[in-house]
Amino acid sequence: MDKSNSMKQIFLVTFFLTLSWLANGQAVDYLKDVKTEDAIIKALYEVISGEPNAPRDWDRFRFLFKPEGRLIPTRKSDTGDLTIKPLTAEEYVQLFQSRIPTGFFERELSRKSESYGTVTHAFSTYETKEKKDGPVTNRGINSIQLFKDKDRYYIVTIFWCAESMGFPLPPQYLTK
C-alpha cells in the first residue's frame, strides 16, 4: 500500500470517528432531559415554548418520546361534541408549526404524580401564553404517562384537556 492510500484510510477513519462522536454528543446533551421525572417534564415544557418565529429543538422533543408515543388533545367538533385527536410526535411537530409565528409559552403550575414499577402517571397543571410576560391564554391539565426504562424515562402519552373546553380547573390541581 502506498503512502497516498494510507493517508486516505487515516483520513476516512478520523472522519467517521468524528461524525460518530458528534452524533453521540447530540444524544448525550439530551440524556440529562430523561434521567428523572422532573427532568423530562421540564424538558417537555421548555422545548415547545418560545418567542414568535423562534425555532424549536424538535430533535430534543422527539428524543423525549417512545417511537409509539402519542399526544392526545381534547377537542370540540364542529357540532360541539367533545372528541380526541391522537397524534404521533412527528404529527404534533407539523401541527405545532402554525403556533410559532405568534409565540407560545407553556409552563407547569403544579403536578400530582404516582409511580409503580416502570409506570409513572403525572397530572401536570399548565398555563399557556403567547408572550413570555403576556396574559394567560389558557390553562388545563396534561395527563402524562411515562415509561421508566433502565437508564431513562420516555413519554408514552400526553392526554390533555384545557379550560377552554368548558372545564374549570379544580383548586386541588392548582397547588403544588
N, C-alpha and C. Protein backbone atom coordinates (compact mmCIF):
# COMPACT_ATOMS: atom_id res chain seq x y z
N MET A 1 0.85 -1.16 0.00
CA MET A 1 0.00 0.00 0.00
C MET A 1 0.90 1.23 0.00
N ASP A 2 0.59 2.19 -0.88
CA ASP A 2 1.43 3.38 -0.92
C ASP A 2 0.98 4.41 0.11
N LYS A 3 1.79 5.42 0.26
CA LYS A 3 1.56 6.44 1.28
C LYS A 3 0.24 7.19 1.06
N SER A 4 -0.13 7.39 -0.19
CA SER A 4 -1.37 8.10 -0.54
C SER A 4 -2.60 7.33 -0.03
N ASN A 5 -2.64 6.02 -0.25
CA ASN A 5 -3.78 5.21 0.22
C ASN A 5 -3.82 5.15 1.74
N SER A 6 -2.66 5.08 2.35
CA SER A 6 -2.60 5.05 3.80
C SER A 6 -3.16 6.34 4.39
N MET A 7 -2.83 7.47 3.80
CA MET A 7 -3.32 8.76 4.26
C MET A 7 -4.84 8.85 4.08
N LYS A 8 -5.35 8.32 2.96
CA LYS A 8 -6.79 8.32 2.72
C LYS A 8 -7.51 7.49 3.79
N GLN A 9 -6.94 6.35 4.14
CA GLN A 9 -7.56 5.50 5.15
C GLN A 9 -7.57 6.19 6.51
N ILE A 10 -6.47 6.83 6.86
CA ILE A 10 -6.40 7.55 8.14
C ILE A 10 -7.43 8.69 8.15
N PHE A 11 -7.52 9.40 7.03
CA PHE A 11 -8.49 10.48 6.94
C PHE A 11 -9.91 9.95 7.11
N LEU A 12 -10.25 8.88 6.39
CA LEU A 12 -11.61 8.32 6.47
C LEU A 12 -11.93 7.82 7.88
N VAL A 13 -11.00 7.14 8.51
CA VAL A 13 -11.24 6.65 9.87
C VAL A 13 -11.45 7.84 10.82
N THR A 14 -10.62 8.85 10.70
CA THR A 14 -10.75 10.04 11.54
C THR A 14 -12.08 10.73 11.28
N PHE A 15 -12.46 10.84 10.01
CA PHE A 15 -13.71 11.49 9.63
C PHE A 15 -14.91 10.76 10.25
N PHE A 16 -14.96 9.44 10.11
CA PHE A 16 -16.10 8.68 10.63
C PHE A 16 -16.11 8.64 12.16
N LEU A 17 -14.96 8.63 12.78
CA LEU A 17 -14.92 8.70 14.24
C LEU A 17 -15.44 10.05 14.74
N THR A 18 -15.08 11.12 14.02
CA THR A 18 -15.56 12.45 14.38
C THR A 18 -17.07 12.54 14.22
N LEU A 19 -17.61 12.00 13.11
CA LEU A 19 -19.06 12.00 12.92
C LEU A 19 -19.76 11.22 14.02
N SER A 20 -19.20 10.08 14.38
CA SER A 20 -19.78 9.26 15.44
C SER A 20 -19.76 10.01 16.76
N TRP A 21 -18.66 10.67 17.06
CA TRP A 21 -18.53 11.44 18.29
C TRP A 21 -19.56 12.57 18.32
N LEU A 22 -19.72 13.28 17.19
CA LEU A 22 -20.69 14.37 17.13
C LEU A 22 -22.11 13.86 17.31
N ALA A 23 -22.44 12.74 16.68
CA ALA A 23 -23.79 12.17 16.80
C ALA A 23 -24.05 11.75 18.24
N ASN A 24 -23.09 11.13 18.87
CA ASN A 24 -23.27 10.72 20.26
C ASN A 24 -23.30 11.92 21.19
N GLY A 25 -22.56 12.96 20.86
CA GLY A 25 -22.58 14.18 21.66
C GLY A 25 -23.96 14.80 21.68
N GLN A 26 -24.68 14.74 20.56
CA GLN A 26 -26.05 15.26 20.49
C GLN A 26 -26.94 14.50 21.46
N ALA A 27 -26.86 13.17 21.45
CA ALA A 27 -27.69 12.36 22.34
C ALA A 27 -27.31 12.59 23.80
N VAL A 28 -26.03 12.74 24.06
CA VAL A 28 -25.58 12.97 25.43
C VAL A 28 -26.18 14.26 25.97
N ASP A 29 -26.26 15.30 25.14
CA ASP A 29 -26.87 16.54 25.58
C ASP A 29 -28.32 16.32 26.01
N TYR A 30 -29.04 15.45 25.34
CA TYR A 30 -30.44 15.19 25.64
C TYR A 30 -30.62 14.19 26.78
N LEU A 31 -29.62 13.42 27.10
CA LEU A 31 -29.75 12.41 28.15
C LEU A 31 -30.10 13.02 29.51
N LYS A 32 -29.61 14.21 29.77
CA LYS A 32 -29.94 14.86 31.05
C LYS A 32 -31.44 15.14 31.14
N ASP A 33 -32.10 15.27 30.00
CA ASP A 33 -33.54 15.56 29.95
C ASP A 33 -34.40 14.37 30.34
N VAL A 34 -33.85 13.17 30.35
CA VAL A 34 -34.68 11.97 30.53
C VAL A 34 -34.25 11.13 31.74
N LYS A 35 -33.41 11.68 32.59
CA LYS A 35 -32.90 10.94 33.76
C LYS A 35 -33.91 10.84 34.89
N THR A 36 -34.80 11.83 35.02
CA THR A 36 -35.77 11.84 36.11
C THR A 36 -37.13 12.29 35.58
N GLU A 37 -38.15 12.04 36.37
CA GLU A 37 -39.50 12.53 36.01
C GLU A 37 -39.48 14.05 35.90
N ASP A 38 -38.88 14.72 36.87
CA ASP A 38 -38.82 16.19 36.83
C ASP A 38 -38.11 16.68 35.57
N ALA A 39 -37.00 16.05 35.22
CA ALA A 39 -36.22 16.49 34.07
C ALA A 39 -36.99 16.35 32.76
N ILE A 40 -37.67 15.22 32.57
CA ILE A 40 -38.36 15.01 31.29
C ILE A 40 -39.56 15.94 31.15
N ILE A 41 -40.26 16.20 32.24
CA ILE A 41 -41.41 17.11 32.16
C ILE A 41 -40.93 18.55 31.97
N LYS A 42 -39.86 18.92 32.64
CA LYS A 42 -39.28 20.26 32.45
C LYS A 42 -38.84 20.44 30.99
N ALA A 43 -38.17 19.43 30.43
CA ALA A 43 -37.72 19.49 29.04
C ALA A 43 -38.91 19.60 28.08
N LEU A 44 -39.98 18.88 28.36
CA LEU A 44 -41.17 18.95 27.52
C LEU A 44 -41.70 20.38 27.43
N TYR A 45 -41.88 21.01 28.58
CA TYR A 45 -42.40 22.38 28.58
C TYR A 45 -41.41 23.35 27.93
N GLU A 46 -40.13 23.17 28.17
CA GLU A 46 -39.12 24.07 27.58
C GLU A 46 -39.10 23.99 26.06
N VAL A 47 -39.13 22.78 25.54
CA VAL A 47 -38.91 22.59 24.10
C VAL A 47 -40.07 23.12 23.26
N ILE A 48 -41.28 23.15 23.79
CA ILE A 48 -42.39 23.66 22.99
C ILE A 48 -42.59 25.17 23.16
N SER A 49 -41.92 25.76 24.12
CA SER A 49 -42.09 27.18 24.41
C SER A 49 -41.07 28.02 23.67
N GLY A 50 -41.49 29.23 23.25
CA GLY A 50 -40.55 30.12 22.61
C GLY A 50 -41.21 31.36 22.03
N GLU A 51 -40.37 32.34 21.76
CA GLU A 51 -40.79 33.61 21.19
C GLU A 51 -41.34 33.42 19.78
N PRO A 52 -42.08 34.41 19.26
CA PRO A 52 -42.58 34.31 17.88
C PRO A 52 -41.45 34.04 16.89
N ASN A 53 -41.69 33.08 16.03
CA ASN A 53 -40.76 32.68 14.96
C ASN A 53 -39.44 32.09 15.44
N ALA A 54 -39.30 31.85 16.74
CA ALA A 54 -38.08 31.23 17.26
C ALA A 54 -38.12 29.73 16.96
N PRO A 55 -37.04 29.18 16.42
CA PRO A 55 -37.04 27.74 16.13
C PRO A 55 -37.07 26.92 17.42
N ARG A 56 -37.70 25.78 17.35
CA ARG A 56 -37.73 24.84 18.47
C ARG A 56 -36.76 23.71 18.17
N ASP A 57 -36.26 23.09 19.20
CA ASP A 57 -35.34 21.96 19.04
C ASP A 57 -36.19 20.69 18.94
N TRP A 58 -36.68 20.40 17.75
CA TRP A 58 -37.59 19.27 17.57
C TRP A 58 -36.88 17.93 17.74
N ASP A 59 -35.57 17.88 17.54
CA ASP A 59 -34.84 16.64 17.82
C ASP A 59 -34.88 16.34 19.32
N ARG A 60 -34.74 17.38 20.12
CA ARG A 60 -34.85 17.23 21.58
C ARG A 60 -36.25 16.74 21.93
N PHE A 61 -37.27 17.32 21.33
CA PHE A 61 -38.66 16.92 21.57
C PHE A 61 -38.86 15.44 21.23
N ARG A 62 -38.41 15.02 20.05
CA ARG A 62 -38.57 13.62 19.62
C ARG A 62 -37.85 12.66 20.57
N PHE A 63 -36.71 13.08 21.10
CA PHE A 63 -35.91 12.24 21.99
C PHE A 63 -36.65 11.90 23.28
N LEU A 64 -37.60 12.72 23.68
CA LEU A 64 -38.35 12.51 24.91
C LEU A 64 -39.34 11.34 24.80
N PHE A 65 -39.75 10.98 23.59
CA PHE A 65 -40.84 10.04 23.36
C PHE A 65 -40.37 8.64 22.96
N LYS A 66 -41.17 7.63 23.36
CA LYS A 66 -41.05 6.30 22.76
C LYS A 66 -41.53 6.47 21.32
N PRO A 67 -40.99 5.69 20.39
CA PRO A 67 -41.44 5.83 18.98
C PRO A 67 -42.96 5.67 18.82
N GLU A 68 -43.56 4.83 19.64
CA GLU A 68 -45.00 4.62 19.54
C GLU A 68 -45.81 5.59 20.41
N GLY A 69 -45.15 6.59 21.00
CA GLY A 69 -45.80 7.55 21.87
C GLY A 69 -46.85 8.38 21.14
N ARG A 70 -47.79 8.92 21.92
CA ARG A 70 -48.87 9.71 21.34
C ARG A 70 -49.13 10.96 22.17
N LEU A 71 -49.57 12.00 21.49
CA LEU A 71 -50.07 13.23 22.11
C LEU A 71 -51.54 13.30 21.74
N ILE A 72 -52.41 13.51 22.75
CA ILE A 72 -53.85 13.39 22.51
C ILE A 72 -54.58 14.61 23.08
N PRO A 73 -54.83 15.61 22.25
CA PRO A 73 -55.60 16.76 22.73
C PRO A 73 -57.09 16.45 22.73
N THR A 74 -57.79 17.04 23.71
CA THR A 74 -59.25 17.02 23.71
C THR A 74 -59.70 18.19 22.85
N ARG A 75 -60.68 17.95 22.00
CA ARG A 75 -61.17 18.99 21.09
C ARG A 75 -62.68 19.00 21.06
N LYS A 76 -63.21 20.05 20.46
CA LYS A 76 -64.64 20.11 20.18
C LYS A 76 -64.82 20.00 18.67
N SER A 77 -65.75 19.15 18.27
CA SER A 77 -66.06 19.01 16.84
C SER A 77 -66.85 20.23 16.37
N ASP A 78 -67.07 20.31 15.08
CA ASP A 78 -67.86 21.41 14.52
C ASP A 78 -69.27 21.45 15.10
N THR A 79 -69.76 20.30 15.56
CA THR A 79 -71.11 20.24 16.14
C THR A 79 -71.09 20.45 17.66
N GLY A 80 -69.91 20.68 18.24
CA GLY A 80 -69.80 20.93 19.67
C GLY A 80 -69.57 19.69 20.51
N ASP A 81 -69.45 18.53 19.87
CA ASP A 81 -69.18 17.29 20.60
C ASP A 81 -67.71 17.24 21.00
N LEU A 82 -67.45 16.71 22.20
CA LEU A 82 -66.07 16.53 22.65
C LEU A 82 -65.49 15.31 21.97
N THR A 83 -64.23 15.42 21.56
CA THR A 83 -63.56 14.33 20.86
C THR A 83 -62.07 14.40 21.17
N ILE A 84 -61.31 13.45 20.68
CA ILE A 84 -59.85 13.45 20.83
C ILE A 84 -59.22 13.32 19.45
N LYS A 85 -57.95 13.71 19.37
CA LYS A 85 -57.21 13.62 18.11
C LYS A 85 -55.81 13.09 18.41
N PRO A 86 -55.63 11.73 18.44
CA PRO A 86 -54.28 11.18 18.71
C PRO A 86 -53.28 11.58 17.62
N LEU A 87 -52.10 12.00 18.05
CA LEU A 87 -51.02 12.42 17.15
C LEU A 87 -49.73 11.71 17.52
N THR A 88 -48.92 11.40 16.54
CA THR A 88 -47.56 10.97 16.81
C THR A 88 -46.74 12.22 17.16
N ALA A 89 -45.56 12.02 17.69
CA ALA A 89 -44.70 13.17 17.97
C ALA A 89 -44.44 13.96 16.69
N GLU A 90 -44.23 13.27 15.59
CA GLU A 90 -43.95 13.95 14.31
C GLU A 90 -45.17 14.73 13.82
N GLU A 91 -46.36 14.17 13.97
CA GLU A 91 -47.58 14.89 13.57
C GLU A 91 -47.77 16.13 14.43
N TYR A 92 -47.44 16.02 15.71
CA TYR A 92 -47.54 17.18 16.60
C TYR A 92 -46.58 18.28 16.15
N VAL A 93 -45.35 17.90 15.81
CA VAL A 93 -44.37 18.88 15.33
C VAL A 93 -44.93 19.64 14.13
N GLN A 94 -45.50 18.91 13.17
CA GLN A 94 -46.05 19.55 11.96
C GLN A 94 -47.22 20.47 12.31
N LEU A 95 -48.10 20.03 13.18
CA LEU A 95 -49.25 20.84 13.60
C LEU A 95 -48.80 22.07 14.38
N PHE A 96 -47.80 21.91 15.22
CA PHE A 96 -47.34 22.98 16.09
C PHE A 96 -46.70 24.13 15.31
N GLN A 97 -46.20 23.86 14.13
CA GLN A 97 -45.53 24.91 13.34
C GLN A 97 -46.41 26.14 13.17
N SER A 98 -47.73 25.96 13.17
CA SER A 98 -48.63 27.11 13.00
C SER A 98 -48.62 28.03 14.21
N ARG A 99 -48.18 27.56 15.39
CA ARG A 99 -48.15 28.40 16.59
C ARG A 99 -46.88 29.26 16.67
N ILE A 100 -45.86 28.88 15.97
CA ILE A 100 -44.58 29.57 16.10
C ILE A 100 -44.65 31.05 15.70
N PRO A 101 -45.40 31.43 14.65
CA PRO A 101 -45.44 32.86 14.32
C PRO A 101 -46.03 33.74 15.42
N THR A 102 -46.89 33.22 16.27
CA THR A 102 -47.48 34.04 17.33
C THR A 102 -46.74 33.90 18.65
N GLY A 103 -45.88 32.95 18.77
CA GLY A 103 -45.23 32.68 20.05
C GLY A 103 -46.10 31.77 20.89
N PHE A 104 -45.45 31.00 21.74
CA PHE A 104 -46.18 30.06 22.59
C PHE A 104 -45.31 29.72 23.79
N PHE A 105 -45.89 29.89 24.97
CA PHE A 105 -45.20 29.54 26.20
C PHE A 105 -46.15 28.71 27.05
N GLU A 106 -45.67 27.57 27.48
CA GLU A 106 -46.46 26.73 28.37
C GLU A 106 -45.58 26.42 29.57
N ARG A 107 -46.16 26.59 30.76
CA ARG A 107 -45.39 26.30 31.97
C ARG A 107 -46.25 25.51 32.94
N GLU A 108 -45.58 24.69 33.72
CA GLU A 108 -46.25 23.87 34.71
C GLU A 108 -46.57 24.70 35.94
N LEU A 109 -47.81 24.59 36.41
CA LEU A 109 -48.23 25.27 37.64
C LEU A 109 -48.16 24.35 38.85
N SER A 110 -48.51 23.09 38.65
CA SER A 110 -48.44 22.11 39.73
C SER A 110 -48.48 20.72 39.13
N ARG A 111 -48.16 19.72 39.97
CA ARG A 111 -48.14 18.34 39.49
C ARG A 111 -48.49 17.39 40.62
N LYS A 112 -49.25 16.38 40.29
CA LYS A 112 -49.55 15.26 41.18
C LYS A 112 -49.10 14.01 40.43
N SER A 113 -48.21 13.21 41.04
CA SER A 113 -47.65 12.04 40.37
C SER A 113 -47.80 10.79 41.22
N GLU A 114 -47.90 9.67 40.52
CA GLU A 114 -47.89 8.35 41.16
C GLU A 114 -47.04 7.44 40.28
N SER A 115 -46.29 6.55 40.93
CA SER A 115 -45.42 5.63 40.20
C SER A 115 -45.55 4.21 40.74
N TYR A 116 -45.37 3.28 39.84
CA TYR A 116 -45.29 1.87 40.21
C TYR A 116 -44.46 1.17 39.14
N GLY A 117 -43.41 0.50 39.55
CA GLY A 117 -42.56 -0.24 38.60
C GLY A 117 -42.06 0.66 37.49
N THR A 118 -42.44 0.35 36.27
CA THR A 118 -41.99 1.11 35.10
C THR A 118 -42.92 2.25 34.73
N VAL A 119 -44.04 2.39 35.47
CA VAL A 119 -45.09 3.33 35.10
C VAL A 119 -45.12 4.53 36.04
N THR A 120 -45.12 5.72 35.46
CA THR A 120 -45.37 6.95 36.21
C THR A 120 -46.48 7.70 35.52
N HIS A 121 -47.44 8.16 36.32
CA HIS A 121 -48.52 9.00 35.80
C HIS A 121 -48.41 10.36 36.47
N ALA A 122 -48.29 11.40 35.66
CA ALA A 122 -48.18 12.76 36.17
C ALA A 122 -49.38 13.56 35.68
N PHE A 123 -50.12 14.14 36.61
CA PHE A 123 -51.22 15.05 36.31
C PHE A 123 -50.61 16.44 36.42
N SER A 124 -50.26 17.05 35.30
CA SER A 124 -49.49 18.29 35.27
C SER A 124 -50.38 19.46 34.85
N THR A 125 -50.67 20.34 35.81
CA THR A 125 -51.49 21.52 35.53
C THR A 125 -50.60 22.57 34.85
N TYR A 126 -51.12 23.17 33.77
CA TYR A 126 -50.31 24.12 32.99
C TYR A 126 -51.09 25.40 32.70
N GLU A 127 -50.33 26.41 32.29
CA GLU A 127 -50.91 27.62 31.72
C GLU A 127 -50.16 27.93 30.44
N THR A 128 -50.84 28.58 29.49
CA THR A 128 -50.21 28.97 28.24
C THR A 128 -50.32 30.48 28.05
N LYS A 129 -49.33 31.00 27.34
CA LYS A 129 -49.28 32.41 26.97
C LYS A 129 -48.72 32.52 25.56
N GLU A 130 -49.03 33.61 24.87
CA GLU A 130 -48.42 33.85 23.56
C GLU A 130 -47.11 34.61 23.69
N LYS A 131 -46.96 35.36 24.79
CA LYS A 131 -45.72 36.08 25.10
C LYS A 131 -45.30 35.68 26.49
N LYS A 132 -44.00 35.57 26.70
CA LYS A 132 -43.49 35.12 27.99
C LYS A 132 -44.06 35.94 29.16
N ASP A 133 -44.16 37.24 28.98
CA ASP A 133 -44.68 38.11 30.03
C ASP A 133 -46.11 38.57 29.74
N GLY A 134 -46.77 37.90 28.81
CA GLY A 134 -48.13 38.28 28.43
C GLY A 134 -49.19 37.64 29.31
N PRO A 135 -50.44 37.93 28.98
CA PRO A 135 -51.54 37.36 29.77
C PRO A 135 -51.70 35.86 29.50
N VAL A 136 -52.26 35.17 30.48
CA VAL A 136 -52.55 33.74 30.32
C VAL A 136 -53.65 33.59 29.29
N THR A 137 -53.42 32.72 28.31
CA THR A 137 -54.40 32.49 27.25
C THR A 137 -55.22 31.22 27.49
N ASN A 138 -54.70 30.31 28.29
CA ASN A 138 -55.43 29.08 28.59
C ASN A 138 -54.74 28.37 29.75
N ARG A 139 -55.48 27.48 30.38
CA ARG A 139 -54.92 26.61 31.41
C ARG A 139 -55.56 25.23 31.21
N GLY A 140 -54.95 24.23 31.79
CA GLY A 140 -55.51 22.89 31.68
C GLY A 140 -54.65 21.88 32.40
N ILE A 141 -54.90 20.62 32.08
CA ILE A 141 -54.13 19.53 32.68
C ILE A 141 -53.60 18.63 31.59
N ASN A 142 -52.29 18.36 31.66
CA ASN A 142 -51.65 17.34 30.84
C ASN A 142 -51.58 16.07 31.67
N SER A 143 -52.21 15.02 31.21
CA SER A 143 -52.08 13.70 31.83
C SER A 143 -50.94 13.00 31.11
N ILE A 144 -49.80 12.91 31.78
CA ILE A 144 -48.57 12.42 31.14
C ILE A 144 -48.24 11.04 31.69
N GLN A 145 -48.13 10.08 30.79
CA GLN A 145 -47.72 8.73 31.18
C GLN A 145 -46.27 8.55 30.74
N LEU A 146 -45.45 8.13 31.71
CA LEU A 146 -44.02 7.92 31.46
C LEU A 146 -43.69 6.44 31.62
N PHE A 147 -42.75 5.98 30.82
CA PHE A 147 -42.20 4.64 30.92
C PHE A 147 -40.79 4.77 31.45
N LYS A 148 -40.48 4.10 32.56
CA LYS A 148 -39.12 4.13 33.14
C LYS A 148 -38.37 2.90 32.67
N ASP A 149 -37.41 3.13 31.80
CA ASP A 149 -36.53 2.07 31.31
C ASP A 149 -35.36 1.97 32.28
N LYS A 150 -34.36 1.19 31.94
CA LYS A 150 -33.19 1.03 32.82
C LYS A 150 -32.56 2.36 33.20
N ASP A 151 -32.24 3.16 32.19
CA ASP A 151 -31.44 4.37 32.41
C ASP A 151 -32.18 5.68 32.18
N ARG A 152 -33.44 5.62 31.78
CA ARG A 152 -34.11 6.86 31.38
C ARG A 152 -35.62 6.72 31.43
N TYR A 153 -36.26 7.87 31.31
CA TYR A 153 -37.72 7.93 31.16
C TYR A 153 -38.05 8.21 29.70
N TYR A 154 -39.22 7.75 29.27
CA TYR A 154 -39.79 8.06 27.96
C TYR A 154 -41.21 8.55 28.17
N ILE A 155 -41.65 9.49 27.35
CA ILE A 155 -43.06 9.84 27.32
C ILE A 155 -43.78 8.82 26.45
N VAL A 156 -44.83 8.23 27.00
CA VAL A 156 -45.65 7.28 26.24
C VAL A 156 -46.88 8.00 25.71
N THR A 157 -47.57 8.77 26.57
CA THR A 157 -48.70 9.56 26.13
C THR A 157 -48.79 10.87 26.90
N ILE A 158 -49.32 11.86 26.22
CA ILE A 158 -49.75 13.10 26.85
C ILE A 158 -51.18 13.30 26.37
N PHE A 159 -52.12 13.24 27.29
CA PHE A 159 -53.54 13.41 27.00
C PHE A 159 -53.96 14.65 27.77
N TRP A 160 -54.48 15.67 27.06
CA TRP A 160 -54.76 16.90 27.78
C TRP A 160 -56.14 17.47 27.49
N CYS A 161 -56.57 18.27 28.47
CA CYS A 161 -57.84 18.97 28.39
C CYS A 161 -57.61 20.38 28.93
N ALA A 162 -58.06 21.37 28.17
CA ALA A 162 -57.89 22.76 28.56
C ALA A 162 -59.19 23.32 29.13
N GLU A 163 -59.06 24.35 29.94
CA GLU A 163 -60.25 25.01 30.47
C GLU A 163 -61.15 25.53 29.35
N SER A 164 -60.56 25.85 28.21
CA SER A 164 -61.35 26.34 27.08
C SER A 164 -62.35 25.30 26.57
N MET A 165 -62.22 24.05 27.00
CA MET A 165 -63.19 23.01 26.66
C MET A 165 -64.43 23.09 27.55
N GLY A 166 -64.40 24.01 28.53
CA GLY A 166 -65.55 24.19 29.40
C GLY A 166 -65.42 23.55 30.76
N PHE A 167 -64.18 23.20 31.15
CA PHE A 167 -63.95 22.54 32.43
C PHE A 167 -63.00 23.38 33.28
N PRO A 168 -63.52 24.19 34.21
CA PRO A 168 -62.64 24.98 35.08
C PRO A 168 -61.75 24.06 35.92
N LEU A 169 -60.53 24.51 36.16
CA LEU A 169 -59.60 23.71 36.97
C LEU A 169 -60.05 23.67 38.43
N PRO A 170 -60.13 22.48 39.02
CA PRO A 170 -60.45 22.39 40.45
C PRO A 170 -59.27 22.90 41.29
N PRO A 171 -59.54 23.49 42.44
CA PRO A 171 -58.48 24.07 43.28
C PRO A 171 -57.37 23.07 43.65
N GLN A 172 -57.69 21.79 43.84
CA GLN A 172 -56.65 20.82 44.26
C GLN A 172 -55.59 20.61 43.19
N TYR A 173 -55.86 21.01 41.94
CA TYR A 173 -54.86 20.85 40.89
C TYR A 173 -54.08 22.14 40.61
N LEU A 174 -54.31 23.14 41.45
CA LEU A 174 -53.60 24.39 41.31
C LEU A 174 -52.56 24.61 42.39
N THR A 175 -52.45 23.66 43.33
CA THR A 175 -51.47 23.79 44.41
C THR A 175 -50.36 22.76 44.21
N LYS A 176 -49.19 23.15 44.60
CA LYS A 176 -48.03 22.24 44.45
C LYS A 176 -48.06 21.12 45.43
